[in-house]
Amino acid sequence: MRDSPNIAVVVMDTARDSDVTSSTAPTVAELGEAGTRYTRAFSAAPWTLPSHGSMFTGCYPSKHGAYSGHEHLDGALPTLPELLGDAGYETFGVTNNTWITDEFGFGRGFDRLRKAWQLLPGDGNMLWEMVQVQDEERSQGLLERAMSGNPIRNAVNAAYARLAYARRDSGAGRTVDLIDDWLGGRNDDRPFFLFANCIEPHLEYEPAREYAETFLPDDVDYADATALEQDPWEYLVGNVNHSSEEFDVLRALYRAEIASLDDQIAALRDALVAAGEWEDTILVVVGDHGENVGDHGMMDHQYCLYDTLLHVPLVICGPGFEDGDEVDDLTSLVDLVPTLLDAAGVDAPDARERFQGRSVHPDADAEPREELYAEYMNPQPTMAALERQVGELPEYVYRFDRSLRAVRTEEYKFIRGSDGTRELYHVAEDSAERSSLENERPEMVTEMEEQLDEWLDSFERAETSEEVDISGARKQQLEELGYLQ
């Protein structure tokens, strides 16, 4: 074994903890039984950009500054790949989410960060569109456009896109192939840091038939299930209504996506074994945020800070995490960076002074958290973007035009909106957050609001006055993922 272990982080993009079970994700369950499962892990934000910012910097969104309104992880704080790279690690990443790219500040510290939607360099934007597209006529038009320019390169990309679309592959299979090739081509004695973002559980849910039929109700046909409307914004504004039975179908498709991704995590484990790296590797499997599938009257993962969006799976296995323990302490994803630095034996004292997270390594001597926080700094999509997408908005939708912050303890969770709203949940007894107690327990509201304010006053927040320019190609990709600009 090397002096320092390899570290591999696999993000199950949009996977909520309640749906990552032994039936949907047996590989993740096996890893948890062999390693350490953190049963009460919570994201610092309910969507990809700020959540990854927190996982990379060990800080909450208002400190790292990457969120809607400033969609870039600036260089003020060091990132995990930078810190490990400085400590002698080789760093390699594969991303399937356009937010987690160089363009948005996430390339820092990587020797190479590959975009899984690019089969060959130079035509990635077109390829991404083709993989994601559902409409056959539009797909044909994109194929014709892709054939312009470099015909050989574009023909290869177009063929791959067609194959990926036909197989309902959102990129995890391609990601494992890229990692397998990279592992096989390494001639480096250094330990490595490997990062992969896999986007299968993200809308739209389009699992391959063999996965879907495992979870769909017996009386629901695969074609009918995948034909259900999945536009979250049309649902939000009331243009689409789903029955409880239809939401059962959508949840089945969502779980099927998790199952398909779980198989790819198994394939990644096999690749590490085949490369002779498994025994020396710490593998982290984590959700960056969850999902509302009709929960709280919503779809997608915006506009709220409920645990459907914040409670995420977190499993760590490998050297130092082998005991099969379940840790029930409150854990935030801002804790990931100091934990992995401990695992790597990296001191980084200057960086640690700036972390808002604390190590949850089994050998760490930090006291368990008494509270943790989450932030939703700006609505995404904005009300203006929704209006452009769906037309005139019902009056009730404008209540989402606000920022949100939350603090939770073992017993309670308090959510405050910039519009003056207050919510209080006794999460120890009401884990689904169905009954707000802000009127019944005003003293607890006051106590937790003071706690939230004290926390906000305890650190310097990021300066994010400069507007971030997002290119037309990137905007189109983000719109395909539902992030309307």
Protein backbone atom coordinates (compact mmCIF):
# COMPACT_ATOMS: atom_id res chain seq x y z
CA MET A 1 0.00 0.00 0.00
CA ARG A 2 1.19 3.53 -0.74
CA ASP A 3 1.91 5.93 2.09
CA SER A 4 -1.22 7.87 1.04
CA PRO A 5 -4.39 6.20 -0.28
CA ASN A 6 -6.07 6.93 -3.56
CA ILE A 7 -9.31 8.86 -3.17
CA ALA A 8 -12.27 8.44 -5.52
CA VAL A 9 -15.45 10.53 -5.17
CA VAL A 10 -18.54 9.50 -7.12
CA VAL A 11 -21.45 11.94 -7.05
CA MET A 12 -24.89 10.46 -7.65
CA ASP A 13 -26.33 13.69 -8.99
CA THR A 14 -29.89 14.28 -7.69
CA ALA A 15 -30.03 11.14 -5.53
CA ARG A 16 -31.96 11.57 -2.30
CA ASP A 17 -31.18 9.33 0.62
CA SER A 18 -34.66 7.83 0.97
CA ASP A 19 -34.46 6.24 -2.49
CA VAL A 20 -30.90 4.91 -2.28
CA THR A 21 -31.76 1.59 -0.64
CA SER A 22 -30.62 -2.01 -0.84
CA SER A 23 -33.28 -2.65 -3.50
CA THR A 24 -32.42 0.30 -5.74
CA ALA A 25 -28.67 0.48 -5.03
CA PRO A 26 -27.31 -2.87 -3.79
CA THR A 27 -23.74 -1.91 -4.67
CA VAL A 28 -23.91 1.26 -2.57
CA ALA A 29 -25.44 -0.81 0.24
CA GLU A 30 -22.56 -3.31 0.00
CA LEU A 31 -20.03 -0.49 0.12
CA GLY A 32 -21.77 0.87 3.21
CA GLU A 33 -21.70 -2.54 4.91
CA ALA A 34 -17.97 -2.83 4.20
CA GLY A 35 -17.19 0.78 5.02
CA THR A 36 -18.91 3.62 6.85
CA ARG A 37 -22.41 4.90 6.11
CA TYR A 38 -23.37 8.36 7.32
CA THR A 39 -27.10 8.06 7.81
CA ARG A 40 -27.79 11.73 8.48
CA ALA A 41 -25.78 13.49 5.79
CA PHE A 42 -27.17 16.75 4.42
CA SER A 43 -26.28 18.90 1.48
CA ALA A 44 -25.42 22.55 2.00
CA ALA A 45 -27.67 23.54 -0.93
CA PRO A 46 -30.49 21.97 -2.94
CA TRP A 47 -28.92 22.09 -6.41
CA THR A 48 -25.73 21.18 -8.22
CA LEU A 49 -23.62 24.33 -8.52
CA PRO A 50 -23.63 25.53 -4.88
CA SER A 51 -23.64 21.99 -3.50
CA HIS A 52 -20.53 21.01 -5.45
CA GLY A 53 -18.97 24.31 -4.43
CA SER A 54 -19.43 23.24 -0.82
CA MET A 55 -18.12 19.73 -1.43
CA PHE A 56 -15.03 21.16 -3.14
CA THR A 57 -14.24 23.97 -0.65
CA GLY A 58 -15.57 22.79 2.72
CA CYS A 59 -17.60 26.01 2.97
CA TYR A 60 -21.26 26.98 2.74
CA PRO A 61 -22.56 28.79 -0.37
CA SER A 62 -22.57 32.31 1.05
CA LYS A 63 -18.85 31.89 1.78
CA HIS A 64 -17.73 30.22 -1.46
CA GLY A 65 -20.03 32.42 -3.58
CA ALA A 66 -21.14 29.99 -6.32
CA TYR A 67 -24.90 30.11 -6.66
CA SER A 68 -27.66 31.52 -8.83
CA GLY A 69 -26.80 35.13 -9.55
CA HIS A 70 -23.07 34.34 -9.55
CA GLU A 71 -22.70 30.99 -11.29
CA HIS A 72 -18.96 30.56 -10.82
CA LEU A 73 -16.68 29.08 -8.17
CA ASP A 74 -14.10 31.85 -7.88
CA GLY A 75 -10.52 31.32 -6.76
CA ALA A 76 -10.70 32.82 -3.27
CA LEU A 77 -10.91 29.42 -1.57
CA PRO A 78 -8.76 26.36 -2.34
CA THR A 79 -10.55 23.29 -3.66
CA LEU A 80 -10.12 19.64 -2.74
CA PRO A 81 -8.37 18.73 -6.03
CA GLU A 82 -6.03 21.70 -5.60
CA LEU A 83 -5.13 20.70 -2.05
CA LEU A 84 -4.56 17.07 -2.98
CA GLY A 85 -2.65 18.07 -6.11
CA ASP A 86 -0.37 20.27 -4.01
CA ALA A 87 0.19 17.26 -1.75
CA GLY A 88 1.44 15.17 -4.67
CA TYR A 89 -1.74 13.54 -5.94
CA GLU A 90 -2.54 12.98 -9.60
CA THR A 91 -6.02 14.45 -10.18
CA PHE A 92 -8.50 13.27 -12.80
CA GLY A 93 -12.20 13.98 -13.15
CA VAL A 94 -15.15 13.12 -15.39
CA THR A 95 -18.29 15.22 -15.33
CA ASN A 96 -21.75 14.70 -16.79
CA ASN A 97 -23.21 17.97 -15.51
CA THR A 98 -22.38 21.14 -17.42
CA TRP A 99 -22.23 23.15 -14.18
CA ILE A 100 -19.20 21.12 -13.06
CA THR A 101 -16.79 22.25 -15.76
CA ASP A 102 -13.90 24.65 -16.26
CA GLU A 103 -16.34 27.30 -17.45
CA PHE A 104 -17.92 27.51 -14.00
CA GLY A 105 -14.69 27.35 -12.01
CA PHE A 106 -14.50 23.63 -11.20
CA GLY A 107 -11.43 22.79 -13.26
CA ARG A 108 -9.00 24.20 -10.71
CA GLY A 109 -6.65 21.56 -9.39
CA PHE A 110 -7.47 18.87 -11.95
CA ASP A 111 -4.70 17.60 -14.18
CA ARG A 112 -7.59 16.76 -16.48
CA LEU A 113 -11.36 17.19 -16.16
CA ARG A 114 -13.18 15.33 -18.93
CA LYS A 115 -16.69 16.09 -20.15
CA ALA A 116 -18.33 12.72 -20.61
CA TRP A 117 -20.67 14.06 -23.30
CA GLN A 118 -17.67 14.69 -25.58
CA LEU A 119 -16.62 11.56 -27.42
CA LEU A 120 -14.08 13.51 -29.44
CA PRO A 121 -12.96 17.05 -28.57
CA GLY A 122 -14.38 20.01 -30.41
CA ASP A 123 -18.04 19.15 -30.82
CA GLY A 124 -19.19 18.55 -27.28
CA ASN A 125 -22.06 21.02 -27.24
CA MET A 126 -23.73 19.44 -30.23
CA LEU A 127 -23.19 15.98 -28.81
CA TRP A 128 -24.72 16.94 -25.47
CA GLU A 129 -27.85 18.21 -27.22
CA MET A 130 -28.20 14.98 -29.17
CA VAL A 131 -27.79 12.72 -26.17
CA GLN A 132 -30.43 14.64 -24.24
CA VAL A 133 -32.97 15.22 -27.01
CA GLN A 134 -36.20 13.27 -27.01
CA ASP A 135 -38.04 14.51 -30.07
CA GLU A 136 -37.14 12.44 -33.17
CA GLU A 137 -37.56 15.32 -35.62
CA ARG A 138 -35.36 17.59 -33.55
CA SER A 139 -32.81 14.81 -33.14
CA GLN A 140 -32.61 14.42 -36.92
CA GLY A 141 -32.05 18.16 -37.27
CA LEU A 142 -29.24 18.05 -34.74
CA LEU A 143 -27.70 15.13 -36.61
CA GLU A 144 -27.67 17.16 -39.81
CA ARG A 145 -26.10 20.12 -38.01
CA ALA A 146 -23.47 17.89 -36.45
CA MET A 147 -22.34 16.74 -39.88
CA SER A 148 -21.17 20.24 -40.77
CA GLY A 149 -17.56 21.27 -40.10
CA ASN A 150 -15.12 18.38 -39.56
CA PRO A 151 -17.04 15.45 -41.10
CA ILE A 152 -14.99 12.61 -39.63
CA ARG A 153 -14.98 13.90 -36.07
CA ASN A 154 -18.61 14.95 -36.20
CA ALA A 155 -19.73 11.67 -37.74
CA VAL A 156 -18.13 9.78 -34.86
CA ASN A 157 -19.77 12.08 -32.34
CA ALA A 158 -23.13 11.81 -34.05
CA ALA A 159 -22.97 8.02 -34.11
CA TYR A 160 -22.10 7.93 -30.43
CA ALA A 161 -24.93 10.30 -29.62
CA ARG A 162 -27.42 8.11 -31.47
CA LEU A 163 -26.19 5.04 -29.62
CA ALA A 164 -26.31 6.76 -26.25
CA TYR A 165 -29.82 8.04 -26.91
CA ALA A 166 -31.03 4.62 -28.03
CA ARG A 167 -29.61 3.02 -24.90
CA ARG A 168 -30.99 5.71 -22.56
CA ASP A 169 -27.42 6.26 -21.33
CA SER A 170 -27.03 9.58 -19.55
CA GLY A 171 -23.28 9.13 -19.35
CA ALA A 172 -22.37 6.87 -16.41
CA GLY A 173 -21.40 4.04 -18.73
CA ARG A 174 -19.23 6.36 -20.77
CA THR A 175 -17.77 7.76 -17.53
CA VAL A 176 -16.68 4.32 -16.31
CA ASP A 177 -15.14 3.60 -19.72
CA LEU A 178 -13.14 6.83 -19.54
CA ILE A 179 -11.97 6.02 -16.03
CA ASP A 180 -11.11 2.44 -16.99
CA ASP A 181 -9.02 3.71 -19.91
CA TRP A 182 -7.32 6.26 -17.69
CA LEU A 183 -6.52 3.66 -15.03
CA GLY A 184 -5.12 1.30 -17.65
CA GLY A 185 -2.92 4.01 -19.14
CA ARG A 186 -1.42 5.29 -15.89
CA ASN A 187 2.30 4.91 -15.36
CA ASP A 188 2.37 7.16 -12.31
CA ASP A 189 3.41 5.98 -8.87
CA ARG A 190 1.63 8.88 -7.18
CA PRO A 191 -1.69 8.33 -5.41
CA PHE A 192 -4.63 9.68 -7.35
CA PHE A 193 -7.73 11.73 -6.70
CA LEU A 194 -10.57 10.63 -8.96
CA PHE A 195 -13.84 12.54 -9.27
CA ALA A 196 -16.95 11.55 -11.21
CA ASN A 197 -20.33 13.28 -11.44
CA CYS A 198 -23.01 10.93 -12.80
CA ILE A 199 -26.35 12.47 -13.70
CA GLU A 200 -28.74 9.54 -14.25
CA PRO A 201 -31.24 10.40 -11.47
CA HIS A 202 -31.66 13.94 -12.83
CA LEU A 203 -34.76 14.88 -14.80
CA GLU A 204 -35.78 13.66 -17.25
CA TYR A 205 -36.07 10.12 -15.92
CA GLU A 206 -35.45 7.87 -18.92
CA PRO A 207 -34.03 4.59 -17.65
CA ALA A 208 -33.49 1.67 -19.99
CA ARG A 209 -36.43 -0.72 -20.16
CA GLU A 210 -34.76 -3.49 -18.14
CA TYR A 211 -34.32 -1.16 -15.17
CA ALA A 212 -37.70 0.53 -15.43
CA GLU A 213 -39.68 -2.71 -15.55
CA THR A 214 -38.14 -3.79 -12.24
CA PHE A 215 -39.76 -0.85 -10.47
CA LEU A 216 -42.87 0.02 -12.48
CA PRO A 217 -46.28 -1.17 -11.25
CA ASP A 218 -47.32 -4.39 -12.99
CA ASP A 219 -50.14 -2.70 -14.89
CA VAL A 220 -47.99 0.14 -16.31
CA ASP A 221 -46.35 -0.23 -19.71
CA TYR A 222 -42.82 1.11 -20.19
CA ALA A 223 -43.79 3.23 -23.19
CA ASP A 224 -46.71 4.78 -21.30
CA ALA A 225 -44.50 5.46 -18.29
CA THR A 226 -41.78 7.25 -20.25
CA ALA A 227 -44.41 9.24 -22.13
CA LEU A 228 -45.59 10.97 -18.93
CA GLU A 229 -44.98 14.72 -18.89
CA GLN A 230 -41.88 15.51 -16.83
CA ASP A 231 -41.56 19.26 -17.25
CA PRO A 232 -41.24 20.54 -13.66
CA TRP A 233 -42.10 24.13 -14.53
CA GLU A 234 -45.32 23.27 -16.35
CA TYR A 235 -46.26 21.28 -13.26
CA LEU A 236 -45.27 24.12 -10.93
CA VAL A 237 -47.53 26.63 -12.66
CA GLY A 238 -50.48 24.23 -12.90
CA ASN A 239 -50.38 23.54 -16.65
CA VAL A 240 -49.73 19.86 -15.93
CA ASN A 241 -51.42 17.84 -13.21
CA HIS A 242 -50.39 14.37 -12.11
CA SER A 243 -52.46 11.91 -10.14
CA SER A 244 -50.95 10.05 -7.22
CA GLU A 245 -50.74 6.99 -9.47
CA GLU A 246 -48.79 8.94 -12.07
CA PHE A 247 -46.37 10.16 -9.44
CA ASP A 248 -45.93 6.53 -8.39
CA VAL A 249 -44.85 5.86 -11.96
CA LEU A 250 -42.45 8.82 -12.01
CA ARG A 251 -40.93 7.69 -8.71
CA ALA A 252 -40.48 4.21 -10.19
CA LEU A 253 -38.60 5.71 -13.14
CA TYR A 254 -36.49 7.77 -10.74
CA ARG A 255 -35.58 4.68 -8.73
CA ALA A 256 -34.77 2.82 -11.93
CA GLU A 257 -32.30 5.57 -12.81
CA ILE A 258 -30.66 5.11 -9.41
CA ALA A 259 -30.48 1.35 -10.03
CA SER A 260 -28.83 1.85 -13.41
CA LEU A 261 -26.27 4.18 -11.85
CA ASP A 262 -25.64 1.68 -9.06
CA ASP A 263 -24.62 -0.89 -11.67
CA GLN A 264 -22.11 1.58 -13.06
CA ILE A 265 -20.70 2.15 -9.58
CA ALA A 266 -20.21 -1.61 -9.44
CA ALA A 267 -18.43 -1.41 -12.80
CA LEU A 268 -16.19 1.35 -11.45
CA ARG A 269 -15.31 -0.82 -8.46
CA ASP A 270 -14.45 -3.64 -10.87
CA ALA A 271 -12.24 -1.27 -12.86
CA LEU A 272 -10.36 -0.31 -9.70
CA VAL A 273 -9.94 -3.99 -8.82
CA ALA A 274 -8.71 -4.85 -12.32
CA ALA A 275 -6.19 -2.01 -12.17
CA GLY A 276 -4.86 -3.31 -8.85
CA GLU A 277 -5.94 -0.11 -7.07
CA TRP A 278 -8.97 -1.21 -5.06
CA GLU A 279 -7.17 -2.09 -1.81
CA ASP A 280 -5.42 1.29 -1.82
CA THR A 281 -8.51 3.38 -2.64
CA ILE A 282 -10.96 5.25 -0.46
CA LEU A 283 -14.23 5.36 -2.39
CA VAL A 284 -16.84 7.99 -1.55
CA VAL A 285 -20.37 7.70 -2.93
CA VAL A 286 -22.46 10.79 -2.24
CA GLY A 287 -25.54 12.60 -3.49
CA ASP A 288 -25.08 16.30 -4.19
CA HIS A 289 -28.76 17.00 -3.47
CA GLY A 290 -32.10 15.23 -3.63
CA GLU A 291 -35.30 15.59 -5.62
CA ASN A 292 -38.97 16.41 -5.26
CA VAL A 293 -41.11 13.96 -7.21
CA GLY A 294 -44.43 15.52 -6.31
CA ASP A 295 -43.25 16.05 -2.73
CA HIS A 296 -44.31 19.37 -1.19
CA GLY A 297 -46.25 20.07 -4.39
CA MET A 298 -43.05 20.31 -6.45
CA MET A 299 -40.93 18.56 -9.02
CA ASP A 300 -37.17 18.97 -9.58
CA HIS A 301 -34.93 20.46 -6.86
CA GLN A 302 -35.54 24.17 -6.54
CA TYR A 303 -37.36 26.76 -4.41
CA CYS A 304 -37.21 24.98 -1.04
CA LEU A 305 -34.95 23.53 1.64
CA TYR A 306 -36.90 20.45 2.65
CA ASP A 307 -35.09 17.23 3.40
CA THR A 308 -36.30 15.69 0.15
CA LEU A 309 -33.64 17.98 -1.36
CA LEU A 310 -31.08 18.05 1.46
CA HIS A 311 -30.89 14.54 2.93
CA VAL A 312 -28.42 12.65 0.74
CA PRO A 313 -26.62 9.31 0.73
CA LEU A 314 -23.03 9.30 1.93
CA VAL A 315 -20.92 6.15 2.04
CA ILE A 316 -17.14 6.01 2.46
CA CYS A 317 -15.21 2.74 2.23
CA GLY A 318 -11.56 1.80 2.02
CA PRO A 319 -8.52 2.34 4.23
CA GLY A 320 -9.58 3.84 7.56
CA PHE A 321 -13.31 3.33 6.90
CA GLU A 322 -13.52 -0.49 6.90
CA ASP A 323 -15.56 -1.25 10.01
CA GLY A 324 -19.07 -1.33 8.54
CA ASP A 325 -20.23 1.38 10.92
CA GLU A 326 -23.33 3.51 10.68
CA VAL A 327 -22.73 7.06 11.86
CA ASP A 328 -25.94 8.76 12.99
CA ASP A 329 -24.38 12.12 13.86
CA LEU A 330 -25.44 15.17 11.88
CA THR A 331 -23.09 15.43 8.90
CA SER A 332 -22.85 18.17 6.29
CA LEU A 333 -21.25 17.85 2.88
CA VAL A 334 -18.97 20.72 3.89
CA ASP A 335 -17.37 18.07 6.13
CA LEU A 336 -16.17 16.08 3.13
CA VAL A 337 -13.01 18.11 2.39
CA PRO A 338 -11.48 17.99 5.90
CA THR A 339 -12.45 14.32 6.19
CA LEU A 340 -10.66 13.37 2.98
CA LEU A 341 -7.63 15.49 3.83
CA ASP A 342 -7.42 13.54 7.08
CA ALA A 343 -7.69 10.30 5.12
CA ALA A 344 -4.88 11.43 2.83
CA GLY A 345 -2.70 12.63 5.70
CA VAL A 346 -2.67 16.19 4.31
CA ASP A 347 -2.29 18.94 6.89
CA ALA A 348 -3.08 22.08 4.79
CA PRO A 349 -3.32 24.25 7.93
CA ASP A 350 -4.05 27.51 6.08
CA ALA A 351 -6.95 25.92 4.21
CA ARG A 352 -8.31 24.23 7.33
CA GLU A 353 -8.56 27.57 9.08
CA ARG A 354 -11.05 28.65 6.42
CA PHE A 355 -13.18 25.49 6.38
CA GLN A 356 -16.66 25.58 7.81
CA GLY A 357 -16.72 21.80 7.82
CA ARG A 358 -15.15 19.44 10.31
CA SER A 359 -13.64 16.02 9.77
CA VAL A 360 -15.88 12.99 10.29
CA HIS A 361 -13.00 10.57 9.73
CA PRO A 362 -13.27 7.65 12.18
CA ASP A 363 -9.99 8.73 13.80
CA ALA A 364 -10.93 12.42 14.05
CA ASP A 365 -11.37 13.85 17.52
CA ALA A 366 -13.92 16.51 16.56
CA GLU A 367 -17.06 16.68 18.66
CA PRO A 368 -20.30 15.73 16.87
CA ARG A 369 -22.16 18.61 15.31
CA GLU A 370 -24.93 20.22 17.30
CA GLU A 371 -26.32 21.92 14.21
CA LEU A 372 -25.84 22.32 10.47
CA TYR A 373 -26.97 24.79 7.84
CA ALA A 374 -28.26 24.99 4.29
CA GLU A 375 -28.68 27.89 1.89
CA TYR A 376 -30.67 28.68 -1.22
CA MET A 377 -29.27 32.04 -2.18
CA ASN A 378 -31.46 32.95 -5.17
CA PRO A 379 -34.33 31.35 -7.08
CA GLN A 380 -33.22 29.21 -10.02
CA PRO A 381 -34.89 29.54 -12.49
CA THR A 382 -35.77 33.17 -11.85
CA MET A 383 -39.34 34.33 -12.22
CA ALA A 384 -38.37 36.06 -15.47
CA ALA A 385 -36.97 32.80 -16.85
CA LEU A 386 -40.16 30.97 -15.87
CA GLU A 387 -42.25 33.62 -17.60
CA ARG A 388 -40.24 33.18 -20.78
CA GLN A 389 -40.67 29.42 -20.58
CA VAL A 390 -44.34 29.00 -19.64
CA GLY A 391 -45.91 32.42 -20.16
CA GLU A 392 -47.94 34.24 -17.54
CA LEU A 393 -47.41 32.88 -14.05
CA PRO A 394 -50.13 32.28 -11.47
CA GLU A 395 -49.83 34.68 -8.57
CA TYR A 396 -48.88 31.94 -6.10
CA VAL A 397 -45.69 31.14 -8.03
CA TYR A 398 -44.17 34.53 -7.13
CA ARG A 399 -43.85 33.42 -3.53
CA PHE A 400 -40.80 31.43 -4.71
CA ASP A 401 -39.01 34.66 -5.61
CA ARG A 402 -36.90 34.63 -2.45
CA SER A 403 -33.78 33.29 -0.82
CA LEU A 404 -33.87 30.71 1.97
CA ARG A 405 -31.61 29.66 4.82
CA ALA A 406 -32.07 26.79 7.25
CA VAL A 407 -30.55 25.57 10.49
CA ARG A 408 -31.23 22.16 11.99
CA THR A 409 -30.40 20.41 15.22
CA GLU A 410 -31.09 16.86 16.37
CA GLU A 411 -34.68 17.85 17.14
CA TYR A 412 -35.73 20.87 15.08
CA LYS A 413 -35.29 22.52 11.72
CA PHE A 414 -35.91 26.20 11.08
CA ILE A 415 -36.24 27.74 7.60
CA ARG A 416 -36.25 31.49 7.02
CA GLY A 417 -37.17 33.20 3.78
CA SER A 418 -36.04 36.64 2.64
CA ASP A 419 -39.74 37.41 2.19
CA GLY A 420 -40.28 37.17 5.95
CA THR A 421 -41.62 33.60 6.01
CA ARG A 422 -40.68 31.34 8.91
CA GLU A 423 -41.08 27.57 9.13
CA LEU A 424 -40.30 25.32 12.08
CA TYR A 425 -40.39 21.52 11.99
CA HIS A 426 -39.94 19.03 14.78
CA VAL A 427 -37.92 16.78 12.47
CA ALA A 428 -37.30 14.21 15.20
CA GLU A 429 -41.03 13.37 15.00
CA ASP A 430 -42.04 14.95 11.67
CA SER A 431 -39.28 13.87 9.29
CA ALA A 432 -41.48 14.56 6.26
CA GLU A 433 -41.82 18.21 7.35
CA ARG A 434 -45.58 18.24 7.00
CA SER A 435 -46.56 20.44 9.95
CA SER A 436 -44.86 23.77 10.56
CA LEU A 437 -44.92 24.81 14.20
CA GLU A 438 -43.87 28.45 13.90
CA ASN A 439 -47.11 29.61 15.54
CA GLU A 440 -47.24 26.92 18.22
CA ARG A 441 -43.61 27.30 19.36
CA PRO A 442 -42.59 30.93 18.91
CA GLU A 443 -39.86 30.65 21.56
CA MET A 444 -38.14 27.93 19.51
CA VAL A 445 -38.44 30.09 16.37
CA THR A 446 -36.74 32.95 18.22
CA GLU A 447 -33.99 30.69 19.55
CA MET A 448 -33.19 29.14 16.18
CA GLU A 449 -33.40 32.43 14.32
CA GLU A 450 -30.84 33.89 16.73
CA GLN A 451 -28.68 30.84 16.14
CA LEU A 452 -28.89 31.37 12.38
CA ASP A 453 -27.98 35.05 12.70
CA GLU A 454 -25.03 34.29 14.97
CA TRP A 455 -23.73 31.83 12.40
CA LEU A 456 -24.09 34.34 9.56
CA ASP A 457 -22.19 36.92 11.60
CA SER A 458 -19.37 34.46 12.29
CA PHE A 459 -17.73 34.56 8.84
CA GLU A 460 -17.04 36.85 5.91
CA ARG A 461 -19.32 36.23 2.96
CA ALA A 462 -18.12 36.09 -0.63
CA GLU A 463 -18.06 39.21 -2.78
CA THR A 464 -20.16 38.27 -5.81
CA SER A 465 -21.11 41.59 -7.36
CA GLU A 466 -19.66 40.80 -10.79
CA GLU A 467 -22.12 39.18 -13.19
CA VAL A 468 -21.04 35.86 -14.70
CA ASP A 469 -21.37 35.61 -18.47
CA ILE A 470 -22.79 32.27 -19.65
CA SER A 471 -22.27 31.51 -23.33
CA GLY A 472 -25.13 30.70 -25.65
CA ALA A 473 -24.03 27.08 -25.94
CA ARG A 474 -23.86 26.69 -22.18
CA LYS A 475 -27.26 28.33 -21.78
CA GLN A 476 -28.75 25.81 -24.18
CA GLN A 477 -27.22 22.91 -22.24
CA LEU A 478 -28.52 24.28 -18.96
CA GLU A 479 -31.98 24.75 -20.41
CA GLU A 480 -31.97 21.09 -21.43
CA LEU A 481 -31.31 20.22 -17.77
CA GLY A 482 -34.13 22.51 -16.64
CA TYR A 483 -31.91 25.37 -15.46
CA LEU A 484 -33.59 28.15 -17.41
CA GLN A 485 -31.47 31.27 -17.78
